[in-house]
């Protein structure tokens, strides 16, 4: 894919620059660092800390390189939490590019191997990744996604509004938030006045959480 190139971030982990969009897939301050802080710590672990459950369902908007999934699956495997993970990605990366990310340095060998083995198959239906969880991927635009399932945590990892304003529009947020169950958690790396107003209008309590390095704040919202 000629518009995509690897870039090393400040924590040593790789991200991808999409020249067609004009943005990186992850923060240049640290791809793994950002993913752990925004999604695993502020979303997944936050939900588990307030819930008595050994099962967890996550929906991700913008599956990209799979980094958020890999770190989430690694944590869930260590914590003996069964993970059901769904990812929406309109423009999936080729499997060989996924294999070149170097993310095997940040998760267990078993999870990395299971991910690579099942990445392509997950677009055809739920893929069982050994004993620690299920991965299902949807190659479609967000507004075309539909599911009867309601999720515990939603990772909103779309490109920034300056590049893809339609992804942050109230109508789009209303659509994706309909798949979150009451008590479920929405997290994203961004925080703006429009985003906060939309989330409150959609029936969420909104919190300014500390941001990952390079950002002062991020948004976390809980569905009432």
N, C-alpha and C. Protein backbone atom coordinates (compact mmCIF):
# COMPACT_ATOMS: atom_id res chain seq x y z
N UNK A 1 0.86 -1.18 0.00
CA UNK A 1 0.00 0.00 0.00
C UNK A 1 0.90 1.24 0.00
N UNK A 2 1.01 1.94 -1.14
CA UNK A 2 2.03 2.99 -1.31
C UNK A 2 1.87 4.18 -0.38
N UNK A 3 0.67 4.45 0.14
CA UNK A 3 0.47 5.61 1.01
C UNK A 3 0.85 5.35 2.45
N UNK A 4 1.26 4.11 2.77
CA UNK A 4 1.53 3.73 4.15
C UNK A 4 3.01 3.45 4.37
N UNK A 5 3.59 4.07 5.41
CA UNK A 5 4.98 3.84 5.74
C UNK A 5 5.13 3.70 7.25
N UNK A 6 6.08 2.87 7.67
CA UNK A 6 6.36 2.69 9.09
C UNK A 6 7.16 3.87 9.63
N UNK A 7 6.85 4.24 10.87
CA UNK A 7 7.57 5.30 11.58
C UNK A 7 7.82 4.83 13.00
N UNK A 8 9.02 5.07 13.52
CA UNK A 8 9.31 4.71 14.91
C UNK A 8 8.90 5.85 15.82
N UNK A 9 8.21 5.50 16.93
CA UNK A 9 7.74 6.52 17.88
C UNK A 9 8.71 6.62 19.05
N UNK A 10 8.45 7.57 19.94
CA UNK A 10 9.40 7.92 21.00
C UNK A 10 9.65 6.80 21.99
N UNK A 11 8.71 5.86 22.15
CA UNK A 11 8.94 4.76 23.08
C UNK A 11 9.58 3.54 22.41
N UNK A 12 9.98 3.71 21.15
CA UNK A 12 10.65 2.63 20.42
C UNK A 12 9.73 1.75 19.61
N UNK A 13 8.42 1.86 19.83
CA UNK A 13 7.47 1.05 19.07
C UNK A 13 7.10 1.75 17.77
N UNK A 14 6.64 0.97 16.81
CA UNK A 14 6.32 1.50 15.49
C UNK A 14 4.87 1.95 15.39
N UNK A 15 4.66 2.91 14.51
CA UNK A 15 3.32 3.21 14.03
C UNK A 15 3.39 3.31 12.51
N UNK A 16 2.27 3.66 11.90
CA UNK A 16 2.19 3.80 10.45
C UNK A 16 1.72 5.20 10.12
N UNK A 17 2.35 5.80 9.11
CA UNK A 17 1.90 7.09 8.60
C UNK A 17 1.09 6.86 7.34
N UNK A 18 -0.14 7.38 7.33
CA UNK A 18 -1.02 7.27 6.18
C UNK A 18 -0.97 8.61 5.43
N UNK A 19 -0.24 8.63 4.33
CA UNK A 19 -0.07 9.88 3.58
C UNK A 19 -1.37 10.33 2.94
N UNK A 20 -2.26 9.38 2.64
CA UNK A 20 -3.53 9.74 2.04
C UNK A 20 -4.42 10.52 2.98
N UNK A 21 -4.34 10.21 4.27
CA UNK A 21 -5.12 10.92 5.29
C UNK A 21 -4.30 12.07 5.87
N UNK A 22 -2.99 11.88 5.92
CA UNK A 22 -2.12 12.89 6.50
C UNK A 22 -1.96 12.74 8.00
N UNK A 23 -2.04 11.50 8.48
CA UNK A 23 -1.97 11.28 9.93
C UNK A 23 -1.33 9.93 10.24
N UNK A 24 -0.75 9.86 11.45
CA UNK A 24 -0.21 8.61 11.96
C UNK A 24 -1.31 7.80 12.65
N UNK A 25 -1.13 6.48 12.68
CA UNK A 25 -2.11 5.62 13.34
C UNK A 25 -2.05 5.76 14.86
N UNK A 26 -0.89 6.12 15.38
CA UNK A 26 -0.71 6.27 16.83
C UNK A 26 0.10 7.52 17.12
N UNK A 27 0.18 7.86 18.40
CA UNK A 27 0.93 9.04 18.81
C UNK A 27 2.43 8.85 18.57
N UNK A 28 3.08 9.88 18.08
CA UNK A 28 4.53 9.84 17.90
C UNK A 28 5.25 9.89 19.25
N UNK A 29 4.56 10.25 20.32
CA UNK A 29 5.15 10.22 21.66
C UNK A 29 5.30 8.79 22.17
N UNK A 30 4.70 7.83 21.48
CA UNK A 30 4.81 6.42 21.87
C UNK A 30 3.54 5.66 21.52
N UNK A 31 3.63 4.78 20.53
CA UNK A 31 2.45 4.04 20.09
C UNK A 31 1.94 3.11 21.19
N UNK A 32 2.82 2.28 21.73
CA UNK A 32 2.42 1.34 22.78
C UNK A 32 2.03 2.09 24.04
N UNK A 33 2.78 3.12 24.38
CA UNK A 33 2.50 3.92 25.56
C UNK A 33 1.10 4.53 25.50
N UNK A 34 0.74 5.09 24.34
CA UNK A 34 -0.59 5.69 24.17
C UNK A 34 -1.68 4.64 24.25
N UNK A 35 -1.50 3.52 23.57
CA UNK A 35 -2.51 2.46 23.55
C UNK A 35 -2.78 1.94 24.96
N UNK A 36 -1.72 1.71 25.71
CA UNK A 36 -1.88 1.21 27.08
C UNK A 36 -2.62 2.22 27.94
N UNK A 37 -2.25 3.49 27.83
CA UNK A 37 -2.84 4.51 28.70
C UNK A 37 -4.30 4.78 28.36
N UNK A 38 -4.58 5.06 27.09
CA UNK A 38 -5.92 5.50 26.69
C UNK A 38 -6.93 4.36 26.72
N UNK A 39 -6.53 3.21 26.22
CA UNK A 39 -7.51 2.14 26.02
C UNK A 39 -7.45 1.06 27.11
N UNK A 40 -6.27 0.52 27.37
CA UNK A 40 -6.18 -0.56 28.35
C UNK A 40 -6.39 -0.03 29.77
N UNK A 41 -5.64 1.00 30.14
CA UNK A 41 -5.74 1.52 31.52
C UNK A 41 -7.04 2.28 31.75
N UNK A 42 -7.35 3.22 30.86
CA UNK A 42 -8.48 4.12 31.09
C UNK A 42 -9.82 3.54 30.68
N UNK A 43 -9.80 2.48 29.85
CA UNK A 43 -11.04 1.86 29.41
C UNK A 43 -11.25 0.47 29.98
N UNK A 44 -10.43 -0.48 29.55
CA UNK A 44 -10.58 -1.88 29.96
C UNK A 44 -10.43 -2.05 31.48
N UNK A 45 -9.32 -1.60 32.02
CA UNK A 45 -9.08 -1.78 33.46
C UNK A 45 -10.08 -0.98 34.30
N UNK A 46 -10.45 0.19 33.83
CA UNK A 46 -11.43 1.00 34.53
C UNK A 46 -12.75 0.25 34.64
N UNK A 47 -13.19 -0.37 33.53
CA UNK A 47 -14.45 -1.11 33.55
C UNK A 47 -14.36 -2.31 34.49
N UNK A 48 -13.28 -3.07 34.40
CA UNK A 48 -13.13 -4.25 35.24
C UNK A 48 -13.08 -3.89 36.72
N UNK A 49 -12.49 -2.75 37.04
CA UNK A 49 -12.38 -2.34 38.44
C UNK A 49 -13.73 -2.06 39.07
N UNK A 50 -14.71 -1.67 38.25
CA UNK A 50 -16.03 -1.38 38.80
C UNK A 50 -17.05 -2.47 38.48
N UNK A 51 -16.59 -3.58 37.92
CA UNK A 51 -17.50 -4.66 37.53
C UNK A 51 -16.99 -5.98 38.07
N UNK A 52 -17.89 -6.79 38.56
CA UNK A 52 -17.53 -8.13 39.03
C UNK A 52 -17.79 -9.11 37.90
N UNK A 53 -16.80 -9.28 37.02
CA UNK A 53 -17.00 -10.12 35.85
C UNK A 53 -15.69 -10.78 35.45
N UNK A 54 -15.80 -11.96 34.87
CA UNK A 54 -14.63 -12.66 34.32
C UNK A 54 -14.73 -12.73 32.81
N UNK A 55 -15.68 -11.93 32.23
CA UNK A 55 -15.84 -11.85 30.79
C UNK A 55 -15.94 -10.38 30.39
N UNK A 56 -15.46 -10.08 29.20
CA UNK A 56 -15.41 -8.69 28.77
C UNK A 56 -15.62 -8.62 27.26
N UNK A 57 -16.47 -7.70 26.82
CA UNK A 57 -16.64 -7.48 25.38
C UNK A 57 -16.21 -6.06 25.04
N UNK A 58 -15.41 -5.95 23.98
CA UNK A 58 -14.87 -4.66 23.54
C UNK A 58 -15.20 -4.47 22.06
N UNK A 59 -15.63 -3.26 21.72
CA UNK A 59 -15.82 -2.86 20.32
C UNK A 59 -14.83 -1.74 20.04
N UNK A 60 -14.05 -1.90 18.98
CA UNK A 60 -13.09 -0.86 18.60
C UNK A 60 -13.47 -0.25 17.27
N UNK A 61 -13.47 1.07 17.22
CA UNK A 61 -13.65 1.81 15.98
C UNK A 61 -12.28 2.24 15.50
N UNK A 62 -11.84 1.66 14.38
CA UNK A 62 -10.51 1.94 13.85
C UNK A 62 -9.51 0.90 14.29
N UNK A 63 -9.69 -0.35 13.82
CA UNK A 63 -8.85 -1.45 14.30
C UNK A 63 -7.39 -1.26 13.90
N UNK A 64 -7.14 -0.73 12.73
CA UNK A 64 -5.78 -0.38 12.31
C UNK A 64 -4.79 -1.51 12.37
N UNK A 65 -3.73 -1.31 13.15
CA UNK A 65 -2.63 -2.28 13.25
C UNK A 65 -2.94 -3.43 14.19
N UNK A 66 -4.02 -3.31 14.97
CA UNK A 66 -4.35 -4.35 15.95
C UNK A 66 -3.66 -4.16 17.29
N UNK A 67 -2.96 -3.05 17.47
CA UNK A 67 -2.20 -2.85 18.72
C UNK A 67 -3.11 -2.82 19.94
N UNK A 68 -4.24 -2.12 19.85
CA UNK A 68 -5.14 -2.06 21.01
C UNK A 68 -5.67 -3.44 21.36
N UNK A 69 -5.97 -4.23 20.34
CA UNK A 69 -6.43 -5.59 20.60
C UNK A 69 -5.34 -6.42 21.27
N UNK A 70 -4.14 -6.37 20.74
CA UNK A 70 -3.05 -7.19 21.27
C UNK A 70 -2.78 -6.89 22.74
N UNK A 71 -2.70 -5.61 23.10
CA UNK A 71 -2.43 -5.25 24.49
C UNK A 71 -3.60 -5.61 25.40
N UNK A 72 -4.82 -5.48 24.88
CA UNK A 72 -6.00 -5.86 25.66
C UNK A 72 -6.04 -7.37 25.87
N UNK A 73 -5.78 -8.13 24.83
CA UNK A 73 -5.78 -9.59 24.93
C UNK A 73 -4.68 -10.07 25.86
N UNK A 74 -3.54 -9.42 25.82
CA UNK A 74 -2.43 -9.81 26.68
C UNK A 74 -2.80 -9.60 28.15
N UNK A 75 -3.41 -8.46 28.46
CA UNK A 75 -3.83 -8.20 29.83
C UNK A 75 -4.90 -9.19 30.27
N UNK A 76 -5.89 -9.42 29.42
CA UNK A 76 -6.99 -10.33 29.78
C UNK A 76 -6.48 -11.75 30.00
N UNK A 77 -5.53 -12.19 29.19
CA UNK A 77 -4.98 -13.53 29.36
C UNK A 77 -4.28 -13.65 30.71
N UNK A 78 -3.49 -12.64 31.08
CA UNK A 78 -2.79 -12.65 32.38
C UNK A 78 -3.78 -12.59 33.54
N UNK A 79 -4.92 -11.93 33.33
CA UNK A 79 -5.90 -11.73 34.40
C UNK A 79 -7.00 -12.79 34.39
N UNK A 80 -6.91 -13.74 33.47
CA UNK A 80 -7.90 -14.80 33.33
C UNK A 80 -9.30 -14.24 33.09
N UNK A 81 -9.37 -13.25 32.22
CA UNK A 81 -10.63 -12.65 31.78
C UNK A 81 -10.88 -13.08 30.34
N UNK A 82 -12.05 -13.66 30.08
CA UNK A 82 -12.40 -14.05 28.72
C UNK A 82 -12.78 -12.82 27.91
N UNK A 83 -12.15 -12.66 26.76
CA UNK A 83 -12.32 -11.46 25.94
C UNK A 83 -13.05 -11.77 24.65
N UNK A 84 -14.10 -10.98 24.38
CA UNK A 84 -14.76 -10.99 23.07
C UNK A 84 -14.51 -9.62 22.46
N UNK A 85 -13.75 -9.58 21.37
CA UNK A 85 -13.28 -8.33 20.80
C UNK A 85 -13.75 -8.19 19.37
N UNK A 86 -14.42 -7.08 19.08
CA UNK A 86 -14.86 -6.78 17.72
C UNK A 86 -14.17 -5.51 17.25
N UNK A 87 -13.70 -5.50 16.02
CA UNK A 87 -13.04 -4.33 15.47
C UNK A 87 -13.67 -3.94 14.14
N UNK A 88 -13.91 -2.64 13.97
CA UNK A 88 -14.43 -2.11 12.71
C UNK A 88 -13.30 -1.40 12.00
N UNK A 89 -13.07 -1.77 10.74
CA UNK A 89 -11.98 -1.17 9.97
C UNK A 89 -12.38 -1.13 8.49
N UNK A 90 -12.60 0.08 7.99
CA UNK A 90 -13.04 0.24 6.61
C UNK A 90 -11.93 -0.10 5.61
N UNK A 91 -10.68 0.08 6.02
CA UNK A 91 -9.55 -0.15 5.11
C UNK A 91 -8.50 -1.01 5.82
N UNK A 92 -8.73 -2.31 5.90
CA UNK A 92 -7.82 -3.19 6.64
C UNK A 92 -6.40 -3.19 6.08
N UNK A 93 -5.44 -3.27 6.97
CA UNK A 93 -4.05 -3.41 6.56
C UNK A 93 -3.81 -4.83 6.06
N UNK A 94 -2.91 -5.00 5.10
CA UNK A 94 -2.58 -6.37 4.66
C UNK A 94 -1.88 -7.13 5.77
N UNK A 95 -2.06 -8.44 5.77
CA UNK A 95 -1.51 -9.28 6.83
C UNK A 95 0.00 -9.16 6.93
N UNK A 96 0.68 -9.02 5.79
CA UNK A 96 2.14 -8.95 5.85
C UNK A 96 2.62 -7.66 6.50
N UNK A 97 1.82 -6.59 6.39
CA UNK A 97 2.19 -5.33 7.05
C UNK A 97 1.94 -5.44 8.55
N UNK A 98 0.87 -6.11 8.94
CA UNK A 98 0.61 -6.36 10.36
C UNK A 98 1.80 -7.11 10.97
N UNK A 99 2.31 -8.08 10.23
CA UNK A 99 3.41 -8.91 10.74
C UNK A 99 4.70 -8.11 10.92
N UNK A 100 4.82 -6.96 10.25
CA UNK A 100 6.04 -6.15 10.32
C UNK A 100 5.98 -5.05 11.39
N UNK A 101 4.89 -4.99 12.15
CA UNK A 101 4.76 -3.93 13.14
C UNK A 101 5.74 -4.04 14.30
N UNK A 102 6.19 -5.27 14.58
CA UNK A 102 7.10 -5.47 15.71
C UNK A 102 6.40 -5.56 17.05
N UNK A 103 5.08 -5.68 17.05
CA UNK A 103 4.34 -5.69 18.32
C UNK A 103 4.51 -6.99 19.09
N UNK A 104 5.18 -7.96 18.49
CA UNK A 104 5.48 -9.19 19.24
C UNK A 104 6.39 -8.92 20.43
N UNK A 105 7.05 -7.77 20.43
CA UNK A 105 7.93 -7.42 21.54
C UNK A 105 7.15 -6.94 22.77
N UNK A 106 5.84 -6.76 22.63
CA UNK A 106 5.06 -6.15 23.70
C UNK A 106 3.94 -7.04 24.23
N UNK A 107 3.80 -8.24 23.68
CA UNK A 107 2.78 -9.19 24.14
C UNK A 107 3.37 -10.59 24.18
N UNK A 108 2.63 -11.53 24.74
CA UNK A 108 3.13 -12.89 24.84
C UNK A 108 3.27 -13.51 23.45
N UNK A 109 4.22 -14.42 23.27
CA UNK A 109 4.38 -15.09 21.98
C UNK A 109 3.13 -15.83 21.53
N UNK A 110 2.38 -16.37 22.49
CA UNK A 110 1.17 -17.13 22.15
C UNK A 110 0.10 -16.21 21.55
N UNK A 111 -0.07 -15.04 22.15
CA UNK A 111 -1.08 -14.10 21.64
C UNK A 111 -0.66 -13.55 20.28
N UNK A 112 0.59 -13.23 20.13
CA UNK A 112 1.08 -12.72 18.84
C UNK A 112 0.87 -13.77 17.74
N UNK A 113 1.24 -15.01 18.02
CA UNK A 113 1.10 -16.07 17.01
C UNK A 113 -0.36 -16.32 16.66
N UNK A 114 -1.23 -16.33 17.68
CA UNK A 114 -2.65 -16.56 17.44
C UNK A 114 -3.26 -15.41 16.63
N UNK A 115 -2.82 -14.20 16.89
CA UNK A 115 -3.32 -13.04 16.16
C UNK A 115 -2.94 -13.13 14.68
N UNK A 116 -1.67 -13.37 14.41
CA UNK A 116 -1.24 -13.46 13.02
C UNK A 116 -1.94 -14.60 12.28
N UNK A 117 -2.12 -15.71 12.97
CA UNK A 117 -2.74 -16.88 12.35
C UNK A 117 -4.21 -16.63 12.02
N UNK A 118 -4.88 -15.81 12.82
CA UNK A 118 -6.33 -15.64 12.68
C UNK A 118 -6.75 -14.27 12.15
N UNK A 119 -5.81 -13.39 11.88
CA UNK A 119 -6.15 -12.02 11.46
C UNK A 119 -7.08 -12.02 10.25
N UNK A 120 -6.69 -12.68 9.19
CA UNK A 120 -7.50 -12.67 7.96
C UNK A 120 -8.82 -13.40 8.17
N UNK A 121 -8.79 -14.52 8.89
CA UNK A 121 -10.00 -15.31 9.12
C UNK A 121 -11.02 -14.54 9.95
N UNK A 122 -10.57 -13.63 10.80
CA UNK A 122 -11.48 -12.89 11.67
C UNK A 122 -12.42 -11.98 10.89
N UNK A 123 -12.08 -11.65 9.64
CA UNK A 123 -12.98 -10.86 8.81
C UNK A 123 -14.13 -11.69 8.26
N UNK A 124 -14.01 -13.00 8.35
CA UNK A 124 -15.06 -13.90 7.85
C UNK A 124 -16.02 -14.35 8.94
N UNK A 125 -15.67 -14.10 10.20
CA UNK A 125 -16.52 -14.52 11.31
C UNK A 125 -15.71 -14.58 12.58
N UNK A 126 -16.34 -14.85 13.72
CA UNK A 126 -15.60 -14.92 14.99
C UNK A 126 -14.49 -15.96 14.94
N UNK A 127 -13.28 -15.55 15.31
CA UNK A 127 -12.13 -16.45 15.32
C UNK A 127 -11.71 -16.71 16.76
N UNK A 128 -11.68 -17.98 17.14
CA UNK A 128 -11.24 -18.36 18.49
C UNK A 128 -9.73 -18.32 18.55
N UNK A 129 -9.19 -17.49 19.43
CA UNK A 129 -7.75 -17.35 19.57
C UNK A 129 -7.30 -18.15 20.79
N UNK A 130 -7.08 -19.41 20.56
CA UNK A 130 -6.69 -20.32 21.63
C UNK A 130 -7.70 -20.23 22.78
N UNK A 131 -7.22 -20.14 24.01
CA UNK A 131 -8.13 -20.20 25.16
C UNK A 131 -8.50 -18.83 25.71
N UNK A 132 -7.91 -17.75 25.16
CA UNK A 132 -8.08 -16.47 25.84
C UNK A 132 -9.11 -15.54 25.21
N UNK A 133 -9.69 -15.90 24.09
CA UNK A 133 -10.71 -14.99 23.58
C UNK A 133 -11.10 -15.20 22.14
N UNK A 134 -12.01 -14.34 21.70
CA UNK A 134 -12.55 -14.38 20.35
C UNK A 134 -12.33 -13.01 19.70
N UNK A 135 -11.90 -13.03 18.45
CA UNK A 135 -11.70 -11.80 17.68
C UNK A 135 -12.59 -11.86 16.44
N UNK A 136 -13.37 -10.79 16.22
CA UNK A 136 -14.15 -10.67 15.00
C UNK A 136 -13.93 -9.29 14.41
N UNK A 137 -13.63 -9.23 13.11
CA UNK A 137 -13.33 -7.98 12.44
C UNK A 137 -14.34 -7.73 11.33
N UNK A 138 -14.68 -6.46 11.16
CA UNK A 138 -15.69 -6.06 10.18
C UNK A 138 -15.07 -5.06 9.21
N UNK A 139 -14.99 -5.44 7.94
CA UNK A 139 -14.45 -4.55 6.91
C UNK A 139 -15.60 -3.72 6.35
N UNK A 140 -15.88 -2.62 7.00
CA UNK A 140 -16.97 -1.75 6.56
C UNK A 140 -16.84 -0.39 7.21
N UNK A 141 -17.52 0.57 6.63
CA UNK A 141 -17.56 1.90 7.23
C UNK A 141 -18.42 1.85 8.49
N UNK A 142 -18.12 2.75 9.41
CA UNK A 142 -18.76 2.71 10.72
C UNK A 142 -20.28 2.78 10.62
N UNK A 143 -20.81 3.65 9.76
CA UNK A 143 -22.25 3.82 9.67
C UNK A 143 -22.94 2.61 9.03
N UNK A 144 -22.16 1.71 8.44
CA UNK A 144 -22.73 0.49 7.86
C UNK A 144 -22.67 -0.68 8.84
N UNK A 145 -22.05 -0.48 9.99
CA UNK A 145 -21.92 -1.54 10.99
C UNK A 145 -23.22 -1.69 11.76
N UNK A 146 -23.60 -2.94 12.02
CA UNK A 146 -24.77 -3.22 12.83
C UNK A 146 -24.52 -4.49 13.62
N UNK A 147 -25.06 -4.56 14.83
CA UNK A 147 -24.87 -5.74 15.67
C UNK A 147 -25.97 -5.79 16.72
N UNK A 148 -26.42 -7.00 17.02
CA UNK A 148 -27.37 -7.18 18.11
C UNK A 148 -26.66 -7.21 19.45
N UNK A 149 -25.33 -7.33 19.42
CA UNK A 149 -24.54 -7.40 20.65
C UNK A 149 -24.38 -6.02 21.26
N UNK A 150 -24.35 -5.96 22.59
CA UNK A 150 -24.06 -4.73 23.30
C UNK A 150 -22.76 -4.92 24.07
N UNK A 151 -21.88 -3.95 23.97
CA UNK A 151 -20.50 -4.10 24.44
C UNK A 151 -20.27 -3.39 25.76
N UNK A 152 -19.29 -3.92 26.50
CA UNK A 152 -18.91 -3.35 27.80
C UNK A 152 -18.04 -2.11 27.64
N UNK A 153 -17.14 -2.14 26.68
CA UNK A 153 -16.17 -1.05 26.48
C UNK A 153 -16.09 -0.74 24.99
N UNK A 154 -16.04 0.55 24.67
CA UNK A 154 -15.85 0.96 23.28
C UNK A 154 -14.58 1.79 23.18
N UNK A 155 -13.65 1.31 22.35
CA UNK A 155 -12.43 2.06 22.04
C UNK A 155 -12.71 2.88 20.78
N UNK A 156 -12.74 4.19 20.90
CA UNK A 156 -12.96 5.05 19.73
C UNK A 156 -11.60 5.58 19.28
N UNK A 157 -11.04 4.95 18.26
CA UNK A 157 -9.68 5.24 17.83
C UNK A 157 -9.64 5.66 16.36
N UNK A 158 -10.61 6.50 15.99
CA UNK A 158 -10.65 7.04 14.63
C UNK A 158 -9.55 8.09 14.45
N UNK A 159 -9.25 8.40 13.19
CA UNK A 159 -8.34 9.51 12.92
C UNK A 159 -8.95 10.81 13.47
N UNK A 160 -8.11 11.79 13.71
CA UNK A 160 -8.54 13.03 14.34
C UNK A 160 -9.59 13.76 13.50
N UNK A 161 -10.40 14.57 14.19
CA UNK A 161 -11.51 15.26 13.53
C UNK A 161 -11.04 16.21 12.44
N UNK A 162 -9.83 16.74 12.55
CA UNK A 162 -9.32 17.64 11.53
C UNK A 162 -9.16 16.92 10.19
N UNK A 163 -8.95 15.61 10.23
CA UNK A 163 -8.78 14.82 9.01
C UNK A 163 -10.05 14.07 8.62
N UNK A 164 -10.83 13.63 9.60
CA UNK A 164 -12.06 12.87 9.34
C UNK A 164 -13.19 13.41 10.22
N UNK A 165 -13.67 14.62 9.93
CA UNK A 165 -14.70 15.22 10.79
C UNK A 165 -15.98 14.40 10.86
N UNK A 166 -16.30 13.66 9.81
CA UNK A 166 -17.54 12.87 9.81
C UNK A 166 -17.54 11.78 10.87
N UNK A 167 -16.35 11.32 11.27
CA UNK A 167 -16.27 10.26 12.28
C UNK A 167 -16.64 10.78 13.67
N UNK A 168 -16.57 12.08 13.87
CA UNK A 168 -16.83 12.69 15.18
C UNK A 168 -18.15 13.45 15.22
N UNK A 169 -18.93 13.34 14.15
CA UNK A 169 -20.22 14.02 14.10
C UNK A 169 -21.19 13.37 15.08
N UNK A 170 -22.16 14.14 15.54
CA UNK A 170 -23.12 13.62 16.53
C UNK A 170 -23.85 12.39 16.01
N UNK A 171 -24.23 12.40 14.75
CA UNK A 171 -24.94 11.26 14.17
C UNK A 171 -24.09 9.99 14.22
N UNK A 172 -22.81 10.13 13.93
CA UNK A 172 -21.90 8.98 13.97
C UNK A 172 -21.73 8.47 15.40
N UNK A 173 -21.53 9.37 16.32
CA UNK A 173 -21.38 8.98 17.72
C UNK A 173 -22.66 8.31 18.23
N UNK A 174 -23.81 8.85 17.85
CA UNK A 174 -25.08 8.24 18.27
C UNK A 174 -25.20 6.82 17.76
N UNK A 175 -24.76 6.59 16.54
CA UNK A 175 -24.83 5.25 15.96
C UNK A 175 -23.95 4.27 16.72
N UNK A 176 -22.70 4.63 16.91
CA UNK A 176 -21.78 3.68 17.54
C UNK A 176 -22.10 3.50 19.02
N UNK A 177 -22.56 4.55 19.68
CA UNK A 177 -22.86 4.44 21.11
C UNK A 177 -24.10 3.59 21.38
N UNK A 178 -24.89 3.35 20.35
CA UNK A 178 -26.06 2.47 20.53
C UNK A 178 -25.64 1.03 20.79
N UNK A 179 -24.39 0.71 20.54
CA UNK A 179 -23.90 -0.66 20.75
C UNK A 179 -23.24 -0.84 22.13
N UNK A 180 -23.28 0.20 22.96
CA UNK A 180 -22.74 0.11 24.31
C UNK A 180 -23.88 -0.18 25.28
N UNK A 181 -23.65 -1.12 26.17
CA UNK A 181 -24.70 -1.44 27.15
C UNK A 181 -24.70 -0.42 28.29
N UNK A 182 -25.81 -0.27 29.02
CA UNK A 182 -25.81 0.60 30.19
C UNK A 182 -24.70 0.20 31.17
N UNK A 183 -23.97 1.17 31.64
CA UNK A 183 -22.82 0.91 32.49
C UNK A 183 -21.53 0.73 31.71
N UNK A 184 -21.65 0.67 30.38
CA UNK A 184 -20.48 0.50 29.54
C UNK A 184 -19.66 1.77 29.43
N UNK A 185 -18.40 1.62 29.02
CA UNK A 185 -17.43 2.71 29.03
C UNK A 185 -16.98 3.04 27.61
N UNK A 186 -16.96 4.32 27.28
CA UNK A 186 -16.47 4.85 26.01
C UNK A 186 -15.19 5.61 26.30
N UNK A 187 -14.12 5.28 25.58
CA UNK A 187 -12.87 6.02 25.76
C UNK A 187 -12.28 6.41 24.41
N UNK A 188 -11.65 7.58 24.39
CA UNK A 188 -10.95 8.05 23.21
C UNK A 188 -9.83 8.97 23.63
N UNK A 189 -8.84 9.12 22.76
CA UNK A 189 -7.67 9.94 23.07
C UNK A 189 -7.96 11.43 23.04
N UNK A 190 -9.08 11.82 22.42
CA UNK A 190 -9.39 13.24 22.20
C UNK A 190 -10.37 13.75 23.24
N UNK A 191 -10.46 15.07 23.35
CA UNK A 191 -11.52 15.68 24.16
C UNK A 191 -11.74 17.10 23.62
N UNK A 192 -12.98 17.36 23.19
CA UNK A 192 -13.36 18.67 22.69
C UNK A 192 -14.72 19.03 23.29
N UNK A 193 -15.07 20.30 23.19
CA UNK A 193 -16.37 20.72 23.68
C UNK A 193 -17.51 20.03 22.95
N UNK A 194 -17.39 19.92 21.62
CA UNK A 194 -18.43 19.26 20.84
C UNK A 194 -18.58 17.80 21.23
N UNK A 195 -17.47 17.12 21.44
CA UNK A 195 -17.51 15.72 21.82
C UNK A 195 -18.18 15.54 23.18
N UNK A 196 -17.82 16.38 24.13
CA UNK A 196 -18.44 16.29 25.46
C UNK A 196 -19.94 16.54 25.39
N UNK A 197 -20.35 17.54 24.62
CA UNK A 197 -21.78 17.85 24.50
C UNK A 197 -22.53 16.70 23.85
N UNK A 198 -21.94 16.10 22.83
CA UNK A 198 -22.59 14.97 22.16
C UNK A 198 -22.76 13.79 23.10
N UNK A 199 -21.72 13.47 23.84
CA UNK A 199 -21.78 12.31 24.72
C UNK A 199 -22.81 12.53 25.84
N UNK A 200 -22.87 13.73 26.38
CA UNK A 200 -23.87 14.02 27.41
C UNK A 200 -25.28 13.92 26.83
N UNK A 201 -25.46 14.42 25.61
CA UNK A 201 -26.77 14.36 24.97
C UNK A 201 -27.19 12.92 24.68
N UNK A 202 -26.22 12.03 24.53
CA UNK A 202 -26.50 10.63 24.25
C UNK A 202 -26.70 9.80 25.52
N UNK A 203 -26.68 10.46 26.67
CA UNK A 203 -26.97 9.76 27.92
C UNK A 203 -25.76 9.19 28.62
N UNK A 204 -24.62 9.86 28.52
CA UNK A 204 -23.40 9.43 29.17
C UNK A 204 -22.99 10.44 30.24
N UNK A 205 -22.39 9.95 31.31
CA UNK A 205 -21.66 10.83 32.22
C UNK A 205 -20.25 10.97 31.65
N UNK A 206 -19.75 12.18 31.63
CA UNK A 206 -18.49 12.48 30.93
C UNK A 206 -17.43 12.91 31.93
N UNK A 207 -16.23 12.38 31.71
CA UNK A 207 -15.11 12.68 32.61
C UNK A 207 -13.89 13.08 31.79
N UNK A 208 -13.20 14.12 32.24
CA UNK A 208 -11.88 14.44 31.70
C UNK A 208 -10.87 13.59 32.44
N UNK A 209 -10.22 12.69 31.73
CA UNK A 209 -9.19 11.85 32.33
C UNK A 209 -7.82 12.33 31.87
N UNK A 210 -6.77 12.07 32.64
CA UNK A 210 -5.43 12.46 32.21
C UNK A 210 -5.09 11.84 30.85
N UNK A 211 -4.51 12.62 29.97
CA UNK A 211 -4.16 12.13 28.65
C UNK A 211 -2.84 11.39 28.63
N UNK A 212 -2.60 10.70 27.53
CA UNK A 212 -1.30 10.06 27.30
C UNK A 212 -0.25 11.14 27.06
N UNK A 213 1.04 10.81 27.17
CA UNK A 213 2.09 11.80 26.89
C UNK A 213 1.84 12.51 25.57
N UNK A 214 1.94 13.83 25.62
CA UNK A 214 1.66 14.64 24.44
C UNK A 214 0.28 15.25 24.45
N UNK A 215 -0.60 14.74 25.31
CA UNK A 215 -1.96 15.28 25.44
C UNK A 215 -2.28 15.45 26.92
N UNK A 216 -2.81 16.60 27.27
CA UNK A 216 -3.10 16.87 28.68
C UNK A 216 -4.29 16.04 29.18
N UNK A 217 -5.31 15.90 28.31
CA UNK A 217 -6.55 15.26 28.74
C UNK A 217 -7.08 14.33 27.65
N UNK A 218 -7.94 13.41 28.06
CA UNK A 218 -8.67 12.53 27.15
C UNK A 218 -10.08 12.40 27.70
N UNK A 219 -10.95 11.77 26.93
CA UNK A 219 -12.34 11.64 27.36
C UNK A 219 -12.67 10.20 27.72
N UNK A 220 -13.35 10.06 28.86
CA UNK A 220 -13.95 8.80 29.26
C UNK A 220 -15.41 9.09 29.60
N UNK A 221 -16.31 8.25 29.12
CA UNK A 221 -17.73 8.45 29.36
C UNK A 221 -18.37 7.12 29.71
N UNK A 222 -19.33 7.15 30.63
CA UNK A 222 -20.03 5.94 31.07
C UNK A 222 -21.51 6.10 30.72
N UNK A 223 -22.07 5.07 30.09
CA UNK A 223 -23.47 5.11 29.67
C UNK A 223 -24.38 4.92 30.87
N UNK A 224 -25.30 5.84 31.07
CA UNK A 224 -26.21 5.81 32.22
C UNK A 224 -27.40 4.91 31.96
